[in-house]
């Protein structure tokens, strides 16, 4: 748990794995970030701020702290 915390991963992040996968799929198809965030916020019943936070956290490279 300590390693996960140092990597910036929260224990509750498991809930957002599907959200992040959906975000990546939409980006691959060329959708705009603002549109994706609005759709995902509604779909997963979270705030847009939460979606942006998840995207930022999940998009970080955690290799430096995992060693």
PDB file of N, CA and C in Angstrom:
ATOM      1  N   UNK A   1       0.829  -1.183   0.000  1.00  0.00           N
ATOM      2  CA  UNK A   1       0.000   0.000   0.000  1.00  0.00           C
ATOM      3  C   UNK A   1       0.877   1.251   0.000  1.00  0.00           C
ATOM      4  N   UNK A   2       1.998   1.178   0.707  1.00  0.00           N
ATOM      5  CA  UNK A   2       2.894   2.331   0.768  1.00  0.00           C
ATOM      6  C   UNK A   2       3.448   2.656  -0.615  1.00  0.00           C
ATOM      7  N   UNK A   3       3.832   1.636  -1.365  1.00  0.00           N
ATOM      8  CA  UNK A   3       4.347   1.848  -2.723  1.00  0.00           C
ATOM      9  C   UNK A   3       3.289   2.470  -3.631  1.00  0.00           C
ATOM     10  N   UNK A   4       2.061   2.008  -3.496  1.00  0.00           N
ATOM     11  CA  UNK A   4       0.976   2.572  -4.297  1.00  0.00           C
ATOM     12  C   UNK A   4       0.757   4.039  -3.951  1.00  0.00           C
ATOM     13  N   UNK A   5       0.792   4.344  -2.675  1.00  0.00           N
ATOM     14  CA  UNK A   5       0.613   5.729  -2.247  1.00  0.00           C
ATOM     15  C   UNK A   5       1.736   6.615  -2.776  1.00  0.00           C
ATOM     16  N   UNK A   6       2.960   6.122  -2.735  1.00  0.00           N
ATOM     17  CA  UNK A   6       4.093   6.888  -3.260  1.00  0.00           C
ATOM     18  C   UNK A   6       3.983   7.092  -4.766  1.00  0.00           C
ATOM     19  N   UNK A   7       3.337   6.152  -5.440  1.00  0.00           N
ATOM     20  CA  UNK A   7       3.152   6.260  -6.884  1.00  0.00           C
ATOM     21  C   UNK A   7       1.974   7.155  -7.235  1.00  0.00           C
ATOM     22  N   UNK A   8       1.264   7.644  -6.219  1.00  0.00           N
ATOM     23  CA  UNK A   8       0.133   8.534  -6.458  1.00  0.00           C
ATOM     24  C   UNK A   8      -1.173   7.811  -6.704  1.00  0.00           C
ATOM     25  N   UNK A   9      -1.211   6.531  -6.376  1.00  0.00           N
ATOM     26  CA  UNK A   9      -2.418   5.733  -6.595  1.00  0.00           C
ATOM     27  C   UNK A   9      -3.188   5.634  -5.291  1.00  0.00           C
ATOM     28  N   UNK A  10      -4.456   5.955  -5.358  1.00  0.00           N
ATOM     29  CA  UNK A  10      -5.320   5.858  -4.187  1.00  0.00           C
ATOM     30  C   UNK A  10      -5.970   4.479  -4.161  1.00  0.00           C
ATOM     31  N   UNK A  11      -6.277   4.007  -2.981  1.00  0.00           N
ATOM     32  CA  UNK A  11      -6.885   2.680  -2.863  1.00  0.00           C
ATOM     33  C   UNK A  11      -8.251   2.615  -3.531  1.00  0.00           C
ATOM     34  N   UNK A  12      -8.909   3.758  -3.694  1.00  0.00           N
ATOM     35  CA  UNK A  12     -10.231   3.777  -4.326  1.00  0.00           C
ATOM     36  C   UNK A  12     -10.164   3.920  -5.852  1.00  0.00           C
ATOM     37  N   UNK A  13      -8.976   3.995  -6.406  1.00  0.00           N
ATOM     38  CA  UNK A  13      -8.833   4.194  -7.849  1.00  0.00           C
ATOM     39  C   UNK A  13      -9.327   3.017  -8.688  1.00  0.00           C
ATOM     40  N   UNK A  14      -9.485   1.859  -8.083  1.00  0.00           N
ATOM     41  CA  UNK A  14      -9.972   0.704  -8.836  1.00  0.00           C
ATOM     42  C   UNK A  14     -11.311   1.023  -9.515  1.00  0.00           C
ATOM     43  N   UNK A  15     -12.092   1.930  -8.916  1.00  0.00           N
ATOM     44  CA  UNK A  15     -13.409   2.277  -9.463  1.00  0.00           C
ATOM     45  C   UNK A  15     -13.315   2.992 -10.801  1.00  0.00           C
ATOM     46  N   UNK A  16     -12.152   3.570 -11.076  1.00  0.00           N
ATOM     47  CA  UNK A  16     -12.015   4.421 -12.250  1.00  0.00           C
ATOM     48  C   UNK A  16     -11.247   3.776 -13.401  1.00  0.00           C
ATOM     49  N   UNK A  17     -10.921   2.517 -13.280  1.00  0.00           N
ATOM     50  CA  UNK A  17     -10.165   1.849 -14.349  1.00  0.00           C
ATOM     51  C   UNK A  17     -10.964   1.846 -15.652  1.00  0.00           C
ATOM     52  N   UNK A  18     -12.224   1.488 -15.597  1.00  0.00           N
ATOM     53  CA  UNK A  18     -13.068   1.458 -16.795  1.00  0.00           C
ATOM     54  C   UNK A  18     -13.235   2.872 -17.367  1.00  0.00           C
ATOM     55  N   UNK A  19     -13.391   3.857 -16.498  1.00  0.00           N
ATOM     56  CA  UNK A  19     -13.502   5.243 -16.937  1.00  0.00           C
ATOM     57  C   UNK A  19     -12.257   5.635 -17.734  1.00  0.00           C
ATOM     58  N   UNK A  20     -11.087   5.299 -17.225  1.00  0.00           N
ATOM     59  CA  UNK A  20      -9.835   5.641 -17.912  1.00  0.00           C
ATOM     60  C   UNK A  20      -9.698   4.880 -19.231  1.00  0.00           C
ATOM     61  N   UNK A  21     -10.120   3.644 -19.261  1.00  0.00           N
ATOM     62  CA  UNK A  21     -10.103   2.877 -20.507  1.00  0.00           C
ATOM     63  C   UNK A  21     -11.017   3.534 -21.550  1.00  0.00           C
ATOM     64  N   UNK A  22     -12.199   3.965 -21.116  1.00  0.00           N
ATOM     65  CA  UNK A  22     -13.126   4.652 -22.021  1.00  0.00           C
ATOM     66  C   UNK A  22     -12.528   5.967 -22.524  1.00  0.00           C
ATOM     67  N   UNK A  23     -11.830   6.667 -21.640  1.00  0.00           N
ATOM     68  CA  UNK A  23     -11.165   7.911 -22.030  1.00  0.00           C
ATOM     69  C   UNK A  23     -10.133   7.638 -23.132  1.00  0.00           C
ATOM     70  N   UNK A  24      -9.300   6.643 -22.931  1.00  0.00           N
ATOM     71  CA  UNK A  24      -8.264   6.319 -23.927  1.00  0.00           C
ATOM     72  C   UNK A  24      -8.866   5.917 -25.265  1.00  0.00           C
ATOM     73  N   UNK A  25      -9.934   5.147 -25.244  1.00  0.00           N
ATOM     74  CA  UNK A  25     -10.596   4.745 -26.494  1.00  0.00           C
ATOM     75  C   UNK A  25     -11.132   5.967 -27.231  1.00  0.00           C
ATOM     76  N   UNK A  26     -11.746   6.886 -26.503  1.00  0.00           N
ATOM     77  CA  UNK A  26     -12.296   8.090 -27.123  1.00  0.00           C
ATOM     78  C   UNK A  26     -11.180   8.967 -27.694  1.00  0.00           C
ATOM     79  N   UNK A  27     -10.066   9.068 -26.997  1.00  0.00           N
ATOM     80  CA  UNK A  27      -8.929   9.863 -27.495  1.00  0.00           C
ATOM     81  C   UNK A  27      -8.375   9.245 -28.775  1.00  0.00           C
ATOM     82  N   UNK A  28      -8.333   7.920 -28.829  1.00  0.00           N
ATOM     83  CA  UNK A  28      -7.828   7.229 -30.023  1.00  0.00           C
ATOM     84  C   UNK A  28      -8.701   7.510 -31.247  1.00  0.00           C
ATOM     85  N   UNK A  29      -9.985   7.759 -31.011  1.00  0.00           N
ATOM     86  CA  UNK A  29     -10.889   8.050 -32.127  1.00  0.00           C
ATOM     87  C   UNK A  29     -10.892   9.526 -32.486  1.00  0.00           C
ATOM     88  N   UNK A  30     -10.113  10.334 -31.732  1.00  0.00           N
ATOM     89  CA  UNK A  30      -9.971  11.735 -32.077  1.00  0.00           C
ATOM     90  C   UNK A  30     -10.922  12.697 -31.386  1.00  0.00           C
ATOM     91  N   UNK A  31     -11.628  12.224 -30.381  1.00  0.00           N
ATOM     92  CA  UNK A  31     -12.550  13.105 -29.657  1.00  0.00           C
ATOM     93  C   UNK A  31     -11.766  14.140 -28.852  1.00  0.00           C
ATOM     94  N   UNK A  32     -12.372  15.300 -28.634  1.00  0.00           N
ATOM     95  CA  UNK A  32     -11.761  16.363 -27.842  1.00  0.00           C
ATOM     96  C   UNK A  32     -11.859  16.024 -26.356  1.00  0.00           C
ATOM     97  N   UNK A  33     -10.847  16.423 -25.596  1.00  0.00           N
ATOM     98  CA  UNK A  33     -10.778  16.095 -24.176  1.00  0.00           C
ATOM     99  C   UNK A  33     -11.990  16.646 -23.417  1.00  0.00           C
ATOM    100  N   UNK A  34     -12.360  17.886 -23.663  1.00  0.00           N
ATOM    101  CA  UNK A  34     -13.490  18.488 -22.959  1.00  0.00           C
ATOM    102  C   UNK A  34     -14.780  17.714 -23.174  1.00  0.00           C
ATOM    103  N   UNK A  35     -15.002  17.265 -24.398  1.00  0.00           N
ATOM    104  CA  UNK A  35     -16.205  16.479 -24.708  1.00  0.00           C
ATOM    105  C   UNK A  35     -16.156  15.135 -23.986  1.00  0.00           C
ATOM    106  N   UNK A  36     -15.004  14.487 -24.032  1.00  0.00           N
ATOM    107  CA  UNK A  36     -14.855  13.180 -23.384  1.00  0.00           C
ATOM    108  C   UNK A  36     -15.122  13.305 -21.890  1.00  0.00           C
ATOM    109  N   UNK A  37     -14.548  14.328 -21.285  1.00  0.00           N
ATOM    110  CA  UNK A  37     -14.710  14.532 -19.841  1.00  0.00           C
ATOM    111  C   UNK A  37     -16.173  14.731 -19.487  1.00  0.00           C
ATOM    112  N   UNK A  38     -16.877  15.542 -20.263  1.00  0.00           N
ATOM    113  CA  UNK A  38     -18.294  15.790 -19.988  1.00  0.00           C
ATOM    114  C   UNK A  38     -19.110  14.500 -20.098  1.00  0.00           C
ATOM    115  N   UNK A  39     -18.848  13.716 -21.128  1.00  0.00           N
ATOM    116  CA  UNK A  39     -19.583  12.461 -21.326  1.00  0.00           C
ATOM    117  C   UNK A  39     -19.277  11.466 -20.209  1.00  0.00           C
ATOM    118  N   UNK A  40     -17.999  11.327 -19.870  1.00  0.00           N
ATOM    119  CA  UNK A  40     -17.623  10.364 -18.826  1.00  0.00           C
ATOM    120  C   UNK A  40     -18.141  10.785 -17.454  1.00  0.00           C
ATOM    121  N   UNK A  41     -18.148  12.080 -17.179  1.00  0.00           N
ATOM    122  CA  UNK A  41     -18.669  12.559 -15.901  1.00  0.00           C
ATOM    123  C   UNK A  41     -20.138  12.177 -15.753  1.00  0.00           C
ATOM    124  N   UNK A  42     -20.875  12.341 -16.816  1.00  0.00           N
ATOM    125  CA  UNK A  42     -22.291  11.977 -16.766  1.00  0.00           C
ATOM    126  C   UNK A  42     -22.468  10.461 -16.696  1.00  0.00           C
ATOM    127  N   UNK A  43     -21.715   9.743 -17.509  1.00  0.00           N
ATOM    128  CA  UNK A  43     -21.845   8.284 -17.558  1.00  0.00           C
ATOM    129  C   UNK A  43     -21.513   7.638 -16.213  1.00  0.00           C
ATOM    130  N   UNK A  44     -20.451   8.102 -15.569  1.00  0.00           N
ATOM    131  CA  UNK A  44     -19.995   7.490 -14.320  1.00  0.00           C
ATOM    132  C   UNK A  44     -20.481   8.230 -13.072  1.00  0.00           C
ATOM    133  N   UNK A  45     -21.314   9.261 -13.294  1.00  0.00           N
ATOM    134  CA  UNK A  45     -21.927  10.019 -12.205  1.00  0.00           C
ATOM    135  C   UNK A  45     -20.886  10.572 -11.231  1.00  0.00           C
ATOM    136  N   UNK A  46     -19.880  11.224 -11.799  1.00  0.00           N
ATOM    137  CA  UNK A  46     -18.860  11.924 -11.025  1.00  0.00           C
ATOM    138  C   UNK A  46     -18.721  13.326 -11.605  1.00  0.00           C
ATOM    139  N   UNK A  47     -18.015  14.181 -10.909  1.00  0.00           N
ATOM    140  CA  UNK A  47     -17.815  15.537 -11.415  1.00  0.00           C
ATOM    141  C   UNK A  47     -16.763  15.538 -12.529  1.00  0.00           C
ATOM    142  N   UNK A  48     -16.801  16.580 -13.341  1.00  0.00           N
ATOM    143  CA  UNK A  48     -15.785  16.717 -14.379  1.00  0.00           C
ATOM    144  C   UNK A  48     -14.403  16.839 -13.747  1.00  0.00           C
ATOM    145  N   UNK A  49     -14.324  17.511 -12.601  1.00  0.00           N
ATOM    146  CA  UNK A  49     -13.042  17.651 -11.890  1.00  0.00           C
ATOM    147  C   UNK A  49     -12.482  16.284 -11.538  1.00  0.00           C
ATOM    148  N   UNK A  50     -13.344  15.359 -11.105  1.00  0.00           N
ATOM    149  CA  UNK A  50     -12.909  14.006 -10.775  1.00  0.00           C
ATOM    150  C   UNK A  50     -12.354  13.303 -12.005  1.00  0.00           C
ATOM    151  N   UNK A  51     -13.014  13.461 -13.143  1.00  0.00           N
ATOM    152  CA  UNK A  51     -12.541  12.836 -14.375  1.00  0.00           C
ATOM    153  C   UNK A  51     -11.165  13.384 -14.741  1.00  0.00           C
ATOM    154  N   UNK A  52     -11.004  14.709 -14.679  1.00  0.00           N
ATOM    155  CA  UNK A  52      -9.696  15.301 -14.971  1.00  0.00           C
ATOM    156  C   UNK A  52      -8.627  14.778 -14.011  1.00  0.00           C
ATOM    157  N   UNK A  53      -8.958  14.657 -12.731  1.00  0.00           N
ATOM    158  CA  UNK A  53      -8.012  14.147 -11.736  1.00  0.00           C
ATOM    159  C   UNK A  53      -7.601  12.709 -12.045  1.00  0.00           C
ATOM    160  N   UNK A  54      -8.575  11.882 -12.408  1.00  0.00           N
ATOM    161  CA  UNK A  54      -8.295  10.484 -12.739  1.00  0.00           C
ATOM    162  C   UNK A  54      -7.399  10.401 -13.971  1.00  0.00           C
ATOM    163  N   UNK A  55      -7.699  11.185 -14.981  1.00  0.00           N
ATOM    164  CA  UNK A  55      -6.888  11.193 -16.203  1.00  0.00           C
ATOM    165  C   UNK A  55      -5.451  11.576 -15.877  1.00  0.00           C
ATOM    166  N   UNK A  56      -5.291  12.585 -15.067  1.00  0.00           N
ATOM    167  CA  UNK A  56      -3.953  13.046 -14.697  1.00  0.00           C
ATOM    168  C   UNK A  56      -3.207  11.974 -13.905  1.00  0.00           C
ATOM    169  N   UNK A  57      -3.881  11.411 -12.892  1.00  0.00           N
ATOM    170  CA  UNK A  57      -3.244  10.412 -12.031  1.00  0.00           C
ATOM    171  C   UNK A  57      -2.891   9.151 -12.798  1.00  0.00           C
ATOM    172  N   UNK A  58      -3.832   8.649 -13.591  1.00  0.00           N
ATOM    173  CA  UNK A  58      -3.592   7.404 -14.314  1.00  0.00           C
ATOM    174  C   UNK A  58      -2.604   7.595 -15.456  1.00  0.00           C
ATOM    175  N   UNK A  59      -2.477   8.796 -15.946  1.00  0.00           N
ATOM    176  CA  UNK A  59      -1.583   9.059 -17.067  1.00  0.00           C
ATOM    177  C   UNK A  59      -0.145   9.280 -16.683  1.00  0.00           C
ATOM    178  N   UNK A  60       0.130   9.360 -15.391  1.00  0.00           N
ATOM    179  CA  UNK A  60       1.497   9.583 -14.923  1.00  0.00           C
ATOM    180  C   UNK A  60       2.309   8.318 -15.015  1.00  0.00           C
ATOM    181  N   UNK A  61       3.596   8.504 -15.264  1.00  0.00           N
ATOM    182  CA  UNK A  61       4.542   7.389 -15.295  1.00  0.00           C
ATOM    183  C   UNK A  61       4.941   7.061 -13.871  1.00  0.00           C
ATOM    184  N   UNK A  62       4.647   5.856 -13.428  1.00  0.00           N
ATOM    185  CA  UNK A  62       4.961   5.500 -12.039  1.00  0.00           C
ATOM    186  C   UNK A  62       6.191   4.606 -11.943  1.00  0.00           C
ATOM    187  N   UNK A  63       6.970   4.454 -13.005  1.00  0.00           N
ATOM    188  CA  UNK A  63       8.141   3.593 -12.979  1.00  0.00           C
ATOM    189  C   UNK A  63       9.203   4.083 -12.006  1.00  0.00           C
ATOM    190  N   UNK A  64       9.362   5.389 -11.880  1.00  0.00           N
ATOM    191  CA  UNK A  64      10.423   5.929 -11.035  1.00  0.00           C
ATOM    192  C   UNK A  64      10.248   5.572  -9.564  1.00  0.00           C
ATOM    193  N   UNK A  65       9.040   5.434  -9.091  1.00  0.00           N
ATOM    194  CA  UNK A  65       8.812   5.101  -7.675  1.00  0.00           C
ATOM    195  C   UNK A  65       8.582   3.614  -7.466  1.00  0.00           C
ATOM    196  N   UNK A  66       8.432   2.865  -8.524  1.00  0.00           N
ATOM    197  CA  UNK A  66       8.150   1.434  -8.359  1.00  0.00           C
ATOM    198  C   UNK A  66       9.411   0.606  -8.167  1.00  0.00           C
ATOM    199  N   UNK A  67      10.558   1.192  -8.409  1.00  0.00           N
ATOM    200  CA  UNK A  67      11.819   0.464  -8.293  1.00  0.00           C
ATOM    201  C   UNK A  67      12.321   0.484  -6.883  1.00  0.00           C
TER     202      UNK A  67
END
